[in-house]
Amino acid sequence: MSDTTNIYEQTPDLDTIGGRLSRAREASGMSVKQLAWRLGVKMSTITAWESDRSQPGAHRLNMVSGILNVSLSWVLHGVGTGPIEPEDDSDMIETVGAQLDRLKLLHAETGSLIVRLQNDMDRLAAAS
């Protein structure tokens, strides 16, 4: 996106704030863990932002837009300087592969959480 383009003339990116944050983080090549460390927050906080379960506060929004090299207006409204995203098939395969790996990790974490919750429920039921 050219710096001379008026943001009011742009077609807005209609993704959610979380979706834009996730895309910007992935385009930067940064992991959730790396971004969380740089912002001084937990990985679960980044995950909550990216899945639109919560939103960063004003002080964090400015920091995250700077770290991810996107404009604050793009994060909030989908207009302004966004990430440079892959356009050719080889980059797209890598991006989709990274997303699949992320989904597999989330799936494994969910399974682990289900087992822990079931164990807690069983222990509570036995104690009653």
Protein backbone atom coordinates (compact mmCIF):
# COMPACT_ATOMS: atom_id res chain seq x y z
CA MET A 1 0.00 0.00 0.00
CA SER A 2 1.43 3.34 -1.01
CA ASP A 3 1.95 5.94 1.67
CA THR A 4 0.41 8.57 -0.63
CA THR A 5 -2.96 6.75 -0.83
CA ASN A 6 -5.72 8.42 1.12
CA ILE A 7 -7.11 5.91 3.63
CA TYR A 8 -10.62 7.18 2.93
CA GLU A 9 -10.27 5.97 -0.67
CA GLN A 10 -9.24 2.46 0.34
CA THR A 11 -11.53 -0.53 0.41
CA PRO A 12 -11.51 -1.57 4.06
CA ASP A 13 -10.28 -4.98 5.14
CA LEU A 14 -13.51 -6.44 6.51
CA ASP A 15 -11.82 -9.02 8.73
CA THR A 16 -12.23 -8.69 12.51
CA ILE A 17 -9.62 -7.00 14.71
CA GLY A 18 -8.53 -10.46 15.86
CA GLY A 19 -8.29 -11.70 12.29
CA ARG A 20 -6.20 -8.71 11.27
CA LEU A 21 -3.91 -9.18 14.30
CA SER A 22 -3.47 -12.86 13.47
CA ARG A 23 -2.70 -12.15 9.81
CA ALA A 24 -0.24 -9.39 10.69
CA ARG A 25 1.54 -11.62 13.21
CA GLU A 26 1.78 -14.48 10.71
CA ALA A 27 2.96 -12.13 7.93
CA SER A 28 5.71 -10.90 10.26
CA GLY A 29 6.83 -14.49 10.85
CA MET A 30 6.35 -14.10 14.59
CA SER A 31 4.91 -16.85 16.78
CA VAL A 32 2.24 -16.27 19.43
CA LYS A 33 4.91 -16.94 22.06
CA GLN A 34 7.30 -14.37 20.56
CA LEU A 35 4.61 -11.68 20.32
CA ALA A 36 3.42 -12.38 23.87
CA TRP A 37 6.97 -12.07 25.17
CA ARG A 38 7.54 -8.78 23.33
CA LEU A 39 4.29 -7.34 24.71
CA GLY A 40 4.74 -8.73 28.21
CA VAL A 41 1.48 -10.70 28.15
CA LYS A 42 0.55 -14.38 28.30
CA MET A 43 0.22 -16.48 25.15
CA SER A 44 -3.43 -17.04 26.07
CA THR A 45 -3.96 -13.27 25.89
CA ILE A 46 -2.69 -13.16 22.30
CA THR A 47 -4.83 -16.17 21.43
CA ALA A 48 -7.89 -14.48 22.96
CA TRP A 49 -7.22 -11.32 20.93
CA GLU A 50 -6.75 -13.26 17.70
CA SER A 51 -9.93 -15.28 18.24
CA ASP A 52 -11.92 -12.13 19.12
CA ARG A 53 -12.68 -13.31 22.65
CA SER A 54 -11.14 -10.09 23.94
CA GLN A 55 -9.41 -7.01 22.56
CA PRO A 56 -6.14 -5.37 23.50
CA GLY A 57 -6.31 -2.21 25.57
CA ALA A 58 -5.37 1.11 24.01
CA HIS A 59 -1.78 1.01 25.29
CA ARG A 60 -1.27 -2.51 23.90
CA LEU A 61 -2.89 -1.69 20.53
CA ASN A 62 -0.27 0.93 19.82
CA MET A 63 2.54 -1.41 20.86
CA VAL A 64 1.26 -4.37 18.84
CA SER A 65 0.75 -2.28 15.70
CA GLY A 66 4.34 -1.05 15.98
CA ILE A 67 5.77 -4.50 16.60
CA LEU A 68 3.84 -5.96 13.66
CA ASN A 69 4.64 -2.98 11.42
CA VAL A 70 1.03 -2.13 10.60
CA SER A 71 -0.90 1.06 11.23
CA LEU A 72 -3.21 1.39 14.20
CA SER A 73 -6.03 2.39 11.84
CA TRP A 74 -5.56 -0.87 9.92
CA VAL A 75 -5.78 -2.94 13.11
CA LEU A 76 -8.89 -1.10 14.30
CA HIS A 77 -10.74 -0.34 11.06
CA GLY A 78 -9.07 -2.23 8.24
CA VAL A 79 -7.76 0.87 6.45
CA GLY A 80 -4.20 2.09 6.43
CA THR A 81 -0.93 0.21 6.26
CA GLY A 82 -1.50 -3.53 6.57
CA PRO A 83 0.94 -6.42 6.46
CA ILE A 84 2.63 -7.57 3.30
CA GLU A 85 1.02 -10.93 2.77
CA PRO A 86 2.20 -13.70 0.45
CA GLU A 87 0.77 -13.59 -3.04
CA ASP A 88 2.32 -16.53 -4.88
CA ASP A 89 1.43 -20.18 -4.42
CA SER A 90 4.67 -21.23 -2.71
CA ASP A 91 4.24 -18.58 -0.01
CA MET A 92 0.56 -19.46 0.29
CA ILE A 93 1.41 -23.14 0.81
CA GLU A 94 3.81 -22.16 3.58
CA THR A 95 1.21 -19.87 5.17
CA VAL A 96 -1.54 -22.49 5.03
CA GLY A 97 0.90 -25.08 6.38
CA ALA A 98 1.68 -22.80 9.32
CA GLN A 99 -2.03 -22.30 9.95
CA LEU A 100 -2.58 -26.07 9.84
CA ASP A 101 0.26 -26.60 12.33
CA ARG A 102 -1.32 -23.98 14.59
CA LEU A 103 -4.71 -25.69 14.33
CA LYS A 104 -3.16 -29.06 15.19
CA LEU A 105 -1.49 -27.53 18.25
CA LEU A 106 -4.78 -25.96 19.37
CA HIS A 107 -6.51 -29.31 18.86
CA ALA A 108 -3.92 -31.08 21.02
CA GLU A 109 -4.20 -28.40 23.71
CA THR A 110 -7.99 -28.74 23.69
CA GLY A 111 -7.75 -32.52 24.06
CA SER A 112 -5.35 -32.13 26.95
CA LEU A 113 -7.66 -29.64 28.65
CA ILE A 114 -10.64 -31.99 28.22
CA VAL A 115 -8.71 -34.83 29.88
CA ARG A 116 -7.67 -32.58 32.80
CA LEU A 117 -11.24 -31.35 33.29
CA GLN A 118 -12.58 -34.91 33.20
CA ASN A 119 -10.00 -35.99 35.78
CA ASP A 120 -10.97 -33.05 38.02
CA MET A 121 -14.65 -33.92 37.65
CA ASP A 122 -13.96 -37.59 38.48
CA ARG A 123 -11.92 -36.59 41.53
CA LEU A 124 -14.66 -34.24 42.76
CA ALA A 125 -17.33 -36.88 42.22
CA ALA A 126 -15.29 -39.44 44.18
CA ALA A 127 -14.80 -36.99 47.05
CA SER A 128 -18.56 -36.35 47.35
